[in-house]
Amino acid sequence: MLRSISLKTTIFLAAISILFLSCEKEVQTQIEIKTIRDTIRIVDTLNVDRPINLKASKGAYGSKITISWTPMPLAQKYQIWKFNDLTQKYDLLKELADTTFDDININKPLTKNFYKVRTFNTSSSFSRFNDADYGYTSISNYYKLLTFGSEGSGASQFNFNMHIEVDKIGSIYVSDEGLNRVLKFSAAGSFIEQFYSGSGARAMAFFNNGNYIATRTQSSSYVQIFNPNKQLIKEWGTYGTGDSNFGNIECLTIDDEQNIWIVDGVNHRIKKYDQNGNLLLKFGKQGKAEGDFDAPFGICYFKSKIYVSDTRNNRIEVFDKNGKFLKVFTIRGYIFGIRAFGDNIYLANSGEGTIIKTDENGDIQEKIGAGSFLNLVDVTIAPNGDVIACDVYGRRIIVFRKG
């Protein structure tokens, strides 16, 4: 009996010992696995930095997207991954040592292509991915429809054609600052008449009721409003810095309430008036901070907001109808005239010599007229969508049509 109990005890203790050794081995194995994982994690996230400042070009090129990022210490090479719409996963696109890559495998223009990049030295030494960015191409759908104008003082000739406007039937109005006049042309570019005379003729625009506003400089009144029969019904503004004064007038726009927003480039500010010349609002001063300007020029009313081209600061600033700063986006080059049409904004980029078509956030949709201008200053859009631009040094107007 005692022998039987002793045997059972021995067997029980042996089983406990085996179980203990098994658990100890399993724990040890888990510790080893954890150690390996921790080692890889440390290499991935601490010793090898992930790339930063990933940027994919947005409409800058007609048939490619350029991806770039900041070089990282200890990085020997990188991997670019591209999102696949069919599989809904990222695929490896390219492994390279450089920090710039041109993706020419683009199937459709104006379509977002998403990318992410990681440092990848070896299969056991790589970083996490950076935040994804998207890019798209901007193959232009516009062609040059017509050109009219030449240097001179006759009909269909210009000296310094700085501003342009269209009416609701598509007639084109060109303000010639050098000859103190506004000339009216048909949509086909045929001369109709001298529409307005004013010292240093500047921007003009039409109200919904058929009245129109014309502006000038160095005169007894900088702003004039006429009825459709060209009869003067209101005027105000002289040289100076006060509420009813202007250093000069560049562009203007009319909002949905038919109030007038005027850019004073010399005084670096925007003024809002009603049609009786009552000042409703003013904002802006010279500077680089948000809400400041350095030689503002273009202005447009778009989706209940005011967009202003801050020319020397190479940016577009956006405000609400109370003059509150909302946002800013930078555009390479000097932006002068800007116009809104449909869901897009059109920017006269004198620095690059192209009309840039963007969305409300500044993402470039396409570039129009590259290589066509000697000095692009202003742009407007006809009711049918034609894009009309002032080439000042070329003393001409160029019309582009989508098709």
Protein backbone atom coordinates (compact mmCIF):
# COMPACT_ATOMS: atom_id res chain seq x y z
CA MET A 1 0.00 0.00 0.00
CA LEU A 2 2.75 2.40 0.96
CA ARG A 3 4.62 1.46 -2.16
CA SER A 4 1.54 2.26 -4.30
CA ILE A 5 1.14 5.70 -2.67
CA SER A 6 4.83 6.45 -3.12
CA LEU A 7 4.64 5.54 -6.80
CA LYS A 8 1.60 7.73 -7.35
CA THR A 9 3.31 10.61 -5.55
CA THR A 10 6.39 10.21 -7.68
CA ILE A 11 4.31 10.19 -10.88
CA PHE A 12 2.38 13.26 -9.71
CA LEU A 13 5.54 15.18 -8.87
CA ALA A 14 7.07 14.22 -12.18
CA ALA A 15 4.00 15.48 -14.02
CA ILE A 16 4.11 18.75 -12.09
CA SER A 17 7.79 19.10 -12.93
CA ILE A 18 7.18 18.48 -16.62
CA LEU A 19 4.32 20.96 -16.63
CA PHE A 20 6.45 23.55 -14.86
CA LEU A 21 9.32 23.05 -17.28
CA SER A 22 6.91 23.32 -20.20
CA CYS A 23 5.43 26.58 -18.88
CA GLU A 24 8.89 27.93 -18.17
CA LYS A 25 9.95 27.08 -21.70
CA GLU A 26 6.82 28.73 -23.13
CA VAL A 27 7.39 31.86 -21.06
CA GLN A 28 11.01 31.94 -22.15
CA THR A 29 9.93 31.55 -25.78
CA GLN A 30 7.46 34.41 -25.40
CA ILE A 31 10.15 36.57 -23.83
CA GLU A 32 12.52 35.79 -26.72
CA ILE A 33 9.79 36.58 -29.29
CA LYS A 34 8.96 39.82 -27.48
CA THR A 35 12.64 40.72 -27.38
CA ILE A 36 12.93 40.16 -31.14
CA ARG A 37 9.79 42.19 -31.80
CA ASP A 38 10.96 44.98 -29.53
CA THR A 39 14.33 45.01 -31.27
CA ILE A 40 12.69 45.34 -34.68
CA ARG A 41 10.32 47.99 -33.37
CA ILE A 42 13.22 50.01 -31.98
CA VAL A 43 15.08 49.77 -35.30
CA ASP A 44 11.95 50.70 -37.27
CA THR A 45 10.83 53.72 -35.30
CA LEU A 46 13.85 55.08 -33.48
CA ASN A 47 17.06 54.39 -35.36
CA VAL A 48 15.67 54.96 -38.87
CA ASP A 49 13.61 58.11 -39.33
CA ARG A 50 10.60 58.13 -41.59
CA PRO A 51 10.73 60.74 -44.39
CA ILE A 52 9.06 64.11 -43.78
CA ASN A 53 7.58 66.86 -45.98
CA LEU A 54 6.20 64.50 -48.59
CA LYS A 55 4.81 66.55 -51.48
CA ALA A 56 3.14 65.39 -54.67
CA SER A 57 2.68 67.97 -57.43
CA LYS A 58 -0.87 69.17 -57.97
CA GLY A 59 -1.54 70.22 -61.52
CA ALA A 60 1.98 71.58 -62.05
CA TYR A 61 2.67 69.29 -65.01
CA GLY A 62 0.68 68.08 -67.95
CA SER A 63 1.60 64.39 -67.93
CA LYS A 64 3.46 63.55 -64.73
CA ILE A 65 3.33 63.86 -60.95
CA THR A 66 6.53 64.74 -59.12
CA ILE A 67 6.92 63.27 -55.62
CA SER A 68 9.56 64.70 -53.28
CA TRP A 69 10.51 64.62 -49.59
CA THR A 70 13.25 65.73 -47.20
CA PRO A 71 16.39 63.52 -47.02
CA MET A 72 16.70 61.62 -43.73
CA PRO A 73 19.87 60.89 -41.69
CA LEU A 74 21.03 57.24 -41.96
CA ALA A 75 18.74 56.62 -44.92
CA GLN A 76 20.37 54.64 -47.70
CA LYS A 77 17.29 54.31 -49.87
CA TYR A 78 13.52 54.81 -49.87
CA GLN A 79 10.37 53.06 -51.04
CA ILE A 80 7.47 54.87 -52.73
CA TRP A 81 4.07 53.22 -52.44
CA LYS A 82 1.04 54.19 -54.54
CA PHE A 83 -2.62 53.53 -53.76
CA ASN A 84 -4.34 51.06 -56.08
CA ASP A 85 -8.00 51.92 -56.60
CA LEU A 86 -8.83 48.38 -57.75
CA THR A 87 -7.38 46.48 -54.79
CA GLN A 88 -7.87 49.35 -52.31
CA LYS A 89 -4.30 48.81 -51.11
CA TYR A 90 -0.93 50.53 -51.51
CA ASP A 91 1.47 48.88 -53.99
CA LEU A 92 5.24 49.32 -54.11
CA LEU A 93 5.92 51.77 -56.94
CA LYS A 94 9.66 52.43 -56.74
CA GLU A 95 12.73 51.80 -54.58
CA LEU A 96 15.40 54.46 -54.96
CA ALA A 97 18.20 56.38 -53.26
CA ASP A 98 17.05 59.81 -54.48
CA THR A 99 14.39 61.96 -52.77
CA THR A 100 12.54 62.95 -55.94
CA PHE A 101 10.60 60.78 -58.36
CA ASP A 102 8.47 61.47 -61.45
CA ASP A 103 5.43 59.22 -61.82
CA ILE A 104 4.55 59.15 -65.51
CA ASN A 105 2.12 56.25 -65.21
CA ILE A 106 -0.95 58.47 -64.88
CA ASN A 107 -4.13 57.21 -66.50
CA LYS A 108 -6.40 60.21 -66.12
CA PRO A 109 -5.74 63.95 -65.68
CA LEU A 110 -7.25 65.87 -62.77
CA THR A 111 -7.58 62.62 -60.77
CA LYS A 112 -6.02 62.33 -57.32
CA ASN A 113 -3.19 59.78 -56.98
CA PHE A 114 -2.14 58.98 -53.40
CA TYR A 115 1.44 58.21 -52.32
CA LYS A 116 3.36 57.38 -49.14
CA VAL A 117 7.09 56.89 -48.60
CA ARG A 118 9.29 55.11 -46.06
CA THR A 119 12.99 54.76 -45.43
CA PHE A 120 14.04 51.23 -46.40
CA ASN A 121 17.68 50.29 -45.88
CA THR A 122 17.20 46.49 -45.55
CA SER A 123 14.37 44.06 -44.89
CA SER A 124 15.11 44.37 -41.17
CA SER A 125 15.89 48.08 -41.05
CA PHE A 126 13.10 50.32 -42.28
CA SER A 127 10.92 53.12 -40.97
CA ARG A 128 7.23 53.68 -40.68
CA PHE A 129 5.45 55.37 -43.57
CA ASN A 130 5.01 59.11 -43.61
CA ASP A 131 1.61 60.75 -43.97
CA ALA A 132 0.19 60.20 -47.43
CA ASP A 133 -0.14 63.00 -49.97
CA TYR A 134 -1.90 63.15 -53.31
CA GLY A 135 -1.05 64.67 -56.68
CA TYR A 136 -2.61 64.98 -60.11
CA THR A 137 -1.76 66.01 -63.65
CA SER A 138 -3.22 69.00 -65.48
CA ILE A 139 -3.33 68.32 -69.18
CA SER A 140 -4.82 71.54 -70.56
CA ASN A 141 -8.14 71.28 -72.31
CA TYR A 142 -7.95 74.87 -73.62
CA TYR A 143 -6.80 76.11 -77.00
CA LYS A 144 -6.12 79.62 -78.26
CA LEU A 145 -9.31 80.80 -79.94
CA LEU A 146 -8.39 84.31 -81.06
CA THR A 147 -6.05 87.25 -80.50
CA PHE A 148 -6.78 90.89 -81.17
CA GLY A 149 -5.08 94.23 -80.56
CA SER A 150 -1.78 95.90 -81.38
CA GLU A 151 0.30 98.81 -80.13
CA GLY A 152 -1.04 102.26 -80.96
CA SER A 153 -3.82 104.74 -80.24
CA GLY A 154 -6.37 103.78 -82.89
CA ALA A 155 -9.41 101.56 -82.67
CA SER A 156 -8.43 98.03 -81.57
CA GLN A 157 -5.07 99.34 -80.38
CA PHE A 158 -3.65 99.61 -76.86
CA ASN A 159 -0.97 101.47 -74.98
CA PHE A 160 -1.23 99.84 -71.53
CA ASN A 161 -4.18 97.45 -71.39
CA MET A 162 -4.22 96.57 -67.68
CA HIS A 163 -7.81 95.48 -66.92
CA ILE A 164 -10.50 93.49 -68.68
CA GLU A 165 -14.20 92.71 -68.13
CA VAL A 166 -17.15 91.06 -69.90
CA ASP A 167 -20.89 91.73 -69.73
CA LYS A 168 -23.73 89.21 -69.61
CA ILE A 169 -23.83 88.78 -73.41
CA GLY A 170 -20.05 88.29 -73.71
CA SER A 171 -18.94 91.72 -74.95
CA ILE A 172 -15.34 92.47 -73.93
CA TYR A 173 -14.24 95.71 -72.25
CA VAL A 174 -10.54 96.60 -72.15
CA SER A 175 -9.31 99.36 -69.83
CA ASP A 176 -6.32 101.12 -71.36
CA GLU A 177 -4.62 103.04 -68.58
CA GLY A 178 -2.12 104.63 -70.95
CA LEU A 179 -4.79 106.11 -73.24
CA ASN A 180 -7.33 106.93 -70.48
CA ARG A 181 -10.15 104.94 -72.00
CA VAL A 182 -12.14 101.70 -72.04
CA LEU A 183 -12.75 100.10 -75.44
CA LYS A 184 -15.66 97.75 -76.11
CA PHE A 185 -15.36 94.71 -78.41
CA SER A 186 -17.67 91.93 -79.49
CA ALA A 187 -17.10 88.39 -78.25
CA ALA A 188 -15.36 87.77 -81.61
CA GLY A 189 -12.90 90.63 -80.98
CA SER A 190 -14.46 93.19 -83.32
CA PHE A 191 -14.19 96.83 -82.21
CA ILE A 192 -17.55 98.36 -81.22
CA GLU A 193 -16.89 101.70 -79.52
CA GLN A 194 -14.94 103.73 -76.99
CA PHE A 195 -17.09 102.93 -74.00
CA TYR A 196 -15.59 105.17 -71.29
CA SER A 197 -13.04 107.95 -70.85
CA GLY A 198 -11.21 108.44 -67.57
CA SER A 199 -7.76 109.46 -66.36
CA GLY A 200 -5.74 106.27 -65.93
CA ALA A 201 -8.80 104.08 -66.58
CA ARG A 202 -8.83 101.07 -64.27
CA ALA A 203 -11.22 98.26 -63.41
CA MET A 204 -14.93 98.20 -64.20
CA ALA A 205 -17.85 95.84 -63.56
CA PHE A 206 -21.59 95.45 -64.16
CA PHE A 207 -24.40 95.28 -61.61
CA ASN A 208 -27.39 92.97 -61.96
CA ASN A 209 -29.70 95.91 -62.80
CA GLY A 210 -27.62 96.96 -65.81
CA ASN A 211 -25.77 99.80 -64.11
CA TYR A 212 -21.99 99.68 -64.23
CA ILE A 213 -19.04 100.96 -62.24
CA ALA A 214 -15.90 102.45 -63.77
CA THR A 215 -12.77 103.55 -61.91
CA ARG A 216 -9.88 105.86 -62.64
CA THR A 217 -6.97 107.64 -60.89
CA GLN A 218 -5.61 111.16 -60.41
CA SER A 219 -8.99 112.80 -60.81
CA SER A 220 -11.73 114.54 -58.82
CA SER A 221 -13.54 111.21 -58.37
CA TYR A 222 -11.95 107.78 -58.52
CA VAL A 223 -15.22 105.80 -58.60
CA GLN A 224 -18.16 106.46 -60.92
CA ILE A 225 -21.46 104.61 -61.34
CA PHE A 226 -23.53 104.91 -64.53
CA ASN A 227 -26.91 103.65 -65.65
CA PRO A 228 -27.25 101.57 -68.84
CA ASN A 229 -27.60 104.80 -70.85
CA LYS A 230 -24.16 105.94 -69.64
CA GLN A 231 -25.62 108.65 -67.44
CA LEU A 232 -23.57 109.34 -64.30
CA ILE A 233 -25.61 108.64 -61.16
CA LYS A 234 -22.97 108.56 -58.41
CA GLU A 235 -19.28 109.29 -57.91
CA TRP A 236 -16.83 109.51 -55.01
CA GLY A 237 -13.20 109.14 -53.97
CA THR A 238 -10.07 111.26 -54.25
CA TYR A 239 -6.38 110.71 -53.62
CA GLY A 240 -5.37 110.05 -50.00
CA THR A 241 -5.60 107.60 -47.13
CA GLY A 242 -9.03 108.38 -45.62
CA ASP A 243 -12.28 106.46 -45.81
CA SER A 244 -13.26 108.07 -49.11
CA ASN A 245 -9.70 108.23 -50.47
CA PHE A 246 -7.53 105.90 -52.53
CA GLY A 247 -3.83 105.66 -53.20
CA ASN A 248 -4.87 104.02 -56.44
CA ILE A 249 -7.43 101.49 -57.60
CA GLU A 250 -6.47 98.11 -59.01
CA CYS A 251 -9.30 95.56 -59.32
CA LEU A 252 -12.81 95.40 -57.93
CA THR A 253 -15.61 92.86 -57.50
CA ILE A 254 -19.35 92.93 -56.76
CA ASP A 255 -20.81 90.48 -54.22
CA ASP A 256 -24.23 88.82 -54.09
CA GLU A 257 -25.72 91.84 -52.30
CA GLN A 258 -24.39 94.11 -55.07
CA ASN A 259 -21.89 95.76 -52.73
CA ILE A 260 -18.57 96.91 -54.20
CA TRP A 261 -15.17 95.64 -53.03
CA ILE A 262 -12.22 97.76 -54.22
CA VAL A 263 -8.50 96.98 -54.02
CA ASP A 264 -6.30 99.95 -53.09
CA GLY A 265 -2.85 98.68 -53.97
CA VAL A 266 -0.87 101.70 -52.75
CA ASN A 267 -2.58 101.75 -49.33
CA HIS A 268 -2.45 97.92 -49.12
CA ARG A 269 -6.09 97.50 -48.17
CA ILE A 270 -9.57 96.50 -49.28
CA LYS A 271 -12.66 98.74 -49.05
CA LYS A 272 -16.30 97.70 -49.25
CA TYR A 273 -18.95 100.23 -50.35
CA ASP A 274 -22.62 100.20 -51.17
CA GLN A 275 -23.79 101.70 -54.48
CA ASN A 276 -24.30 105.09 -52.83
CA GLY A 277 -20.63 105.33 -51.95
CA ASN A 278 -21.12 104.62 -48.24
CA LEU A 279 -18.11 102.87 -46.72
CA LEU A 280 -19.24 99.60 -45.15
CA LEU A 281 -15.90 98.03 -44.30
CA LYS A 282 -12.16 98.39 -44.72
CA PHE A 283 -9.29 96.10 -43.77
CA GLY A 284 -5.62 95.44 -44.47
CA LYS A 285 -2.23 97.03 -43.99
CA GLN A 286 1.22 96.49 -45.43
CA GLY A 287 2.93 93.41 -44.06
CA LYS A 288 3.39 89.67 -44.31
CA ALA A 289 1.17 88.43 -41.48
CA GLU A 290 -2.20 86.81 -42.10
CA GLY A 291 -4.61 89.50 -43.24
CA ASP A 292 -1.81 91.85 -44.30
CA PHE A 293 -0.97 92.75 -47.90
CA ASP A 294 1.97 93.88 -49.95
CA ALA A 295 0.65 95.46 -53.15
CA PRO A 296 -2.68 93.59 -53.47
CA PHE A 297 -4.11 93.59 -56.99
CA GLY A 298 -6.85 91.09 -57.86
CA ILE A 299 -10.11 90.38 -56.05
CA CYS A 300 -13.15 88.18 -56.60
CA TYR A 301 -16.29 87.09 -54.78
CA PHE A 302 -16.57 83.29 -54.69
CA LYS A 303 -18.82 81.01 -52.64
CA SER A 304 -19.66 83.72 -50.08
CA LYS A 305 -15.99 84.60 -49.59
CA ILE A 306 -13.60 87.29 -50.81
CA TYR A 307 -10.37 86.15 -52.50
CA VAL A 308 -7.51 88.68 -52.82
CA SER A 309 -4.21 88.30 -54.67
CA ASP A 310 -1.40 89.49 -52.37
CA THR A 311 1.02 90.03 -55.21
CA ARG A 312 4.41 90.58 -53.60
CA ASN A 313 3.77 87.95 -50.95
CA ASN A 314 2.96 85.39 -53.68
CA ARG A 315 -0.28 84.25 -52.12
CA ILE A 316 -4.06 84.34 -52.19
CA GLU A 317 -5.81 85.42 -48.98
CA VAL A 318 -9.41 84.54 -48.23
CA PHE A 319 -11.84 86.55 -46.08
CA ASP A 320 -15.48 86.35 -45.12
CA LYS A 321 -17.95 89.13 -45.99
CA ASN A 322 -17.11 90.89 -42.72
CA GLY A 323 -13.43 91.10 -43.61
CA LYS A 324 -12.41 88.33 -41.20
CA PHE A 325 -9.32 86.43 -42.36
CA LEU A 326 -10.11 82.77 -43.08
CA LYS A 327 -7.18 81.15 -44.84
CA VAL A 328 -4.28 81.62 -47.22
CA PHE A 329 -2.65 79.56 -49.95
CA THR A 330 0.65 80.19 -51.67
CA ILE A 331 1.05 80.24 -55.45
CA ARG A 332 4.50 80.35 -57.04
CA GLY A 333 4.84 83.49 -59.16
CA TYR A 334 3.25 86.93 -59.08
CA ILE A 335 -0.56 86.73 -59.09
CA PHE A 336 -2.39 89.77 -60.43
CA GLY A 337 -5.99 89.56 -61.68
CA ILE A 338 -8.26 86.80 -60.34
CA ARG A 339 -11.79 85.77 -61.34
CA ALA A 340 -14.32 83.18 -60.21
CA PHE A 341 -16.46 81.16 -62.59
CA GLY A 342 -18.48 78.06 -61.77
CA ASP A 343 -16.56 76.01 -59.20
CA ASN A 344 -13.16 77.45 -60.05
CA ILE A 345 -10.91 80.46 -59.63
CA TYR A 346 -8.71 81.72 -62.48
CA LEU A 347 -5.43 83.45 -61.57
CA ALA A 348 -3.33 85.63 -63.86
CA ASN A 349 0.13 84.37 -62.90
CA SER A 350 2.50 86.93 -64.38
CA GLY A 351 5.51 85.22 -62.82
CA GLU A 352 4.95 81.96 -64.72
CA GLY A 353 3.08 83.46 -67.68
CA THR A 354 0.07 81.16 -67.31
CA ILE A 355 -3.54 81.38 -66.24
CA ILE A 356 -3.92 79.01 -63.32
CA LYS A 357 -7.28 77.35 -62.78
CA THR A 358 -7.77 76.25 -59.16
CA ASP A 359 -10.47 75.10 -56.80
CA GLU A 360 -11.47 77.11 -53.73
CA ASN A 361 -8.54 75.69 -51.74
CA GLY A 362 -5.89 76.65 -54.28
CA ASP A 363 -5.37 73.14 -55.67
CA ILE A 364 -4.36 73.61 -59.29
CA GLN A 365 -6.70 72.04 -61.83
CA GLU A 366 -4.85 73.08 -64.97
CA LYS A 367 -2.70 75.78 -66.53
CA ILE A 368 -3.90 77.73 -69.54
CA GLY A 369 -1.92 79.63 -72.18
CA ALA A 370 1.63 78.74 -71.19
CA GLY A 371 4.07 80.52 -73.53
CA SER A 372 1.41 82.85 -74.94
CA PHE A 373 2.15 86.04 -72.99
CA LEU A 374 4.80 88.72 -72.75
CA ASN A 375 3.25 90.07 -69.54
CA LEU A 376 0.01 88.58 -68.27
CA VAL A 377 -1.83 90.92 -65.87
CA ASP A 378 -5.60 90.42 -65.85
CA VAL A 379 -8.08 87.70 -66.71
CA THR A 380 -11.86 87.37 -66.95
CA ILE A 381 -14.29 84.64 -67.93
CA ALA A 382 -17.03 85.00 -70.56
CA PRO A 383 -20.55 83.67 -69.91
CA ASN A 384 -19.79 80.69 -72.16
CA GLY A 385 -16.61 79.82 -70.22
CA ASP A 386 -14.05 81.36 -72.59
CA VAL A 387 -10.98 82.60 -70.73
CA ILE A 388 -9.95 86.13 -71.75
CA ALA A 389 -6.59 87.61 -70.77
CA CYS A 390 -4.69 90.90 -71.00
CA ASP A 391 -1.17 90.66 -72.39
CA VAL A 392 0.05 94.16 -71.48
CA TYR A 393 3.46 94.18 -73.15
CA GLY A 394 2.02 92.36 -76.14
CA ARG A 395 -0.66 95.10 -76.42
CA ARG A 396 -3.24 92.43 -77.14
CA ILE A 397 -6.11 90.36 -75.80
CA ILE A 398 -5.99 86.56 -76.02
CA VAL A 399 -9.08 84.35 -75.78
CA PHE A 400 -8.88 80.65 -74.87
CA ARG A 401 -11.67 78.12 -75.29
CA LYS A 402 -12.13 74.71 -73.76
CA GLY A 403 -12.44 71.92 -76.29
